[in-house]
């Protein structure tokens, strides 16, 4: 049972998100933005709509929402990186 749970956890996008954030050497000010950007990229609502053949309107809605979340995450990450570079070590 433990093996099955481990395999299922490895398939989850959020598990990969957590591993990437934890193992990368990003400054702490940029990590929230990075997490939000990956969340927008791996948004389950968009991917489920895409893979199940949802209507065009629904797909566009989820795609726009995921794109906005991704862009907001990239903006926050870049803002955090610039704050980190400006701060004295």
C-alpha atoms as a PDB file:
ATOM      1  CA  UNK A   1       0.000   0.000   0.000  1.00  0.00           C
ATOM      2  CA  UNK A   2       2.892   2.348   0.790  1.00  0.00           C
ATOM      3  CA  UNK A   3       4.365   1.745  -2.653  1.00  0.00           C
ATOM      4  CA  UNK A   4       1.053   2.592  -4.363  1.00  0.00           C
ATOM      5  CA  UNK A   5       0.730   5.801  -2.338  1.00  0.00           C
ATOM      6  CA  UNK A   6       4.290   6.778  -3.256  1.00  0.00           C
ATOM      7  CA  UNK A   7       3.668   6.166  -6.972  1.00  0.00           C
ATOM      8  CA  UNK A   8       0.455   8.220  -6.866  1.00  0.00           C
ATOM      9  CA  UNK A   9       2.239  11.031  -5.025  1.00  0.00           C
ATOM     10  CA  UNK A  10       4.935  11.082  -7.711  1.00  0.00           C
ATOM     11  CA  UNK A  11       2.247  11.584 -10.368  1.00  0.00           C
ATOM     12  CA  UNK A  12       0.774  14.623  -8.608  1.00  0.00           C
ATOM     13  CA  UNK A  13       1.848  17.983 -10.031  1.00  0.00           C
ATOM     14  CA  UNK A  14       1.723  19.577  -6.586  1.00  0.00           C
ATOM     15  CA  UNK A  15       4.286  17.073  -5.279  1.00  0.00           C
ATOM     16  CA  UNK A  16       6.641  18.150  -8.060  1.00  0.00           C
ATOM     17  CA  UNK A  17       5.877  21.786  -7.286  1.00  0.00           C
ATOM     18  CA  UNK A  18       6.862  21.277  -3.665  1.00  0.00           C
ATOM     19  CA  UNK A  19      10.082  19.452  -4.589  1.00  0.00           C
ATOM     20  CA  UNK A  20      11.140  22.156  -7.057  1.00  0.00           C
ATOM     21  CA  UNK A  21      10.544  24.940  -4.559  1.00  0.00           C
ATOM     22  CA  UNK A  22      12.244  23.097  -1.712  1.00  0.00           C
ATOM     23  CA  UNK A  23      15.342  21.978  -3.643  1.00  0.00           C
ATOM     24  CA  UNK A  24      16.040  25.124  -5.669  1.00  0.00           C
ATOM     25  CA  UNK A  25      18.334  27.803  -4.406  1.00  0.00           C
ATOM     26  CA  UNK A  26      15.856  30.623  -4.865  1.00  0.00           C
ATOM     27  CA  UNK A  27      15.915  33.491  -2.400  1.00  0.00           C
ATOM     28  CA  UNK A  28      13.051  33.351   0.061  1.00  0.00           C
ATOM     29  CA  UNK A  29      11.608  36.548  -1.407  1.00  0.00           C
ATOM     30  CA  UNK A  30      11.171  34.882  -4.824  1.00  0.00           C
ATOM     31  CA  UNK A  31       9.782  31.509  -3.725  1.00  0.00           C
ATOM     32  CA  UNK A  32       6.118  32.542  -3.356  1.00  0.00           C
ATOM     33  CA  UNK A  33       6.075  33.952  -6.884  1.00  0.00           C
ATOM     34  CA  UNK A  34       7.722  30.819  -8.255  1.00  0.00           C
ATOM     35  CA  UNK A  35       5.136  28.644  -6.506  1.00  0.00           C
ATOM     36  CA  UNK A  36       2.249  30.716  -7.859  1.00  0.00           C
ATOM     37  CA  UNK A  37       3.674  30.614 -11.393  1.00  0.00           C
ATOM     38  CA  UNK A  38       3.966  26.825 -11.292  1.00  0.00           C
ATOM     39  CA  UNK A  39       0.474  26.569  -9.853  1.00  0.00           C
ATOM     40  CA  UNK A  40      -0.830  28.546 -12.836  1.00  0.00           C
ATOM     41  CA  UNK A  41       1.115  26.331 -15.220  1.00  0.00           C
ATOM     42  CA  UNK A  42      -0.088  23.066 -13.678  1.00  0.00           C
ATOM     43  CA  UNK A  43      -3.651  24.242 -12.975  1.00  0.00           C
ATOM     44  CA  UNK A  44      -5.747  21.071 -12.776  1.00  0.00           C
ATOM     45  CA  UNK A  45      -8.921  22.832 -13.938  1.00  0.00           C
ATOM     46  CA  UNK A  46      -7.305  23.813 -17.241  1.00  0.00           C
ATOM     47  CA  UNK A  47      -5.729  20.424 -17.867  1.00  0.00           C
ATOM     48  CA  UNK A  48      -8.903  18.519 -17.007  1.00  0.00           C
ATOM     49  CA  UNK A  49     -10.903  20.773 -19.344  1.00  0.00           C
ATOM     50  CA  UNK A  50      -8.325  20.300 -22.090  1.00  0.00           C
ATOM     51  CA  UNK A  51      -8.060  16.530 -21.778  1.00  0.00           C
ATOM     52  CA  UNK A  52     -11.792  15.859 -21.404  1.00  0.00           C
ATOM     53  CA  UNK A  53     -12.782  17.839 -24.464  1.00  0.00           C
ATOM     54  CA  UNK A  54     -14.630  20.661 -22.745  1.00  0.00           C
ATOM     55  CA  UNK A  55     -16.354  23.358 -24.763  1.00  0.00           C
ATOM     56  CA  UNK A  56     -14.298  26.108 -26.340  1.00  0.00           C
ATOM     57  CA  UNK A  57     -15.708  28.743 -23.992  1.00  0.00           C
ATOM     58  CA  UNK A  58     -14.828  26.751 -20.892  1.00  0.00           C
ATOM     59  CA  UNK A  59     -11.367  25.996 -22.211  1.00  0.00           C
ATOM     60  CA  UNK A  60     -10.716  29.662 -22.984  1.00  0.00           C
ATOM     61  CA  UNK A  61     -11.956  30.646 -19.517  1.00  0.00           C
ATOM     62  CA  UNK A  62      -9.655  28.179 -17.729  1.00  0.00           C
ATOM     63  CA  UNK A  63      -6.771  29.035 -20.054  1.00  0.00           C
ATOM     64  CA  UNK A  64      -7.107  32.774 -19.386  1.00  0.00           C
ATOM     65  CA  UNK A  65      -7.375  32.201 -15.656  1.00  0.00           C
ATOM     66  CA  UNK A  66      -4.310  29.934 -15.616  1.00  0.00           C
ATOM     67  CA  UNK A  67      -2.409  32.450 -17.741  1.00  0.00           C
ATOM     68  CA  UNK A  68      -3.246  35.292 -15.364  1.00  0.00           C
ATOM     69  CA  UNK A  69      -2.152  33.252 -12.354  1.00  0.00           C
ATOM     70  CA  UNK A  70       1.077  32.315 -14.150  1.00  0.00           C
ATOM     71  CA  UNK A  71       1.812  35.945 -15.087  1.00  0.00           C
ATOM     72  CA  UNK A  72       1.090  37.125 -11.538  1.00  0.00           C
ATOM     73  CA  UNK A  73       3.508  34.492 -10.217  1.00  0.00           C
ATOM     74  CA  UNK A  74       6.243  35.510 -12.660  1.00  0.00           C
ATOM     75  CA  UNK A  75       5.729  39.153 -11.695  1.00  0.00           C
ATOM     76  CA  UNK A  76       6.007  38.343  -7.977  1.00  0.00           C
ATOM     77  CA  UNK A  77       9.070  36.174  -8.581  1.00  0.00           C
ATOM     78  CA  UNK A  78      10.853  38.912 -10.552  1.00  0.00           C
ATOM     79  CA  UNK A  79       9.914  41.459  -7.897  1.00  0.00           C
ATOM     80  CA  UNK A  80      11.344  39.185  -5.196  1.00  0.00           C
ATOM     81  CA  UNK A  81      14.542  38.613  -7.178  1.00  0.00           C
ATOM     82  CA  UNK A  82      15.034  42.342  -7.700  1.00  0.00           C
ATOM     83  CA  UNK A  83      14.483  42.980  -3.975  1.00  0.00           C
ATOM     84  CA  UNK A  84      17.037  40.301  -3.174  1.00  0.00           C
ATOM     85  CA  UNK A  85      19.640  41.848  -5.509  1.00  0.00           C
ATOM     86  CA  UNK A  86      19.090  45.325  -4.070  1.00  0.00           C
ATOM     87  CA  UNK A  87      19.310  44.234  -0.438  1.00  0.00           C
ATOM     88  CA  UNK A  88      22.732  44.316   1.225  1.00  0.00           C
ATOM     89  CA  UNK A  89      24.127  40.871   1.881  1.00  0.00           C
END
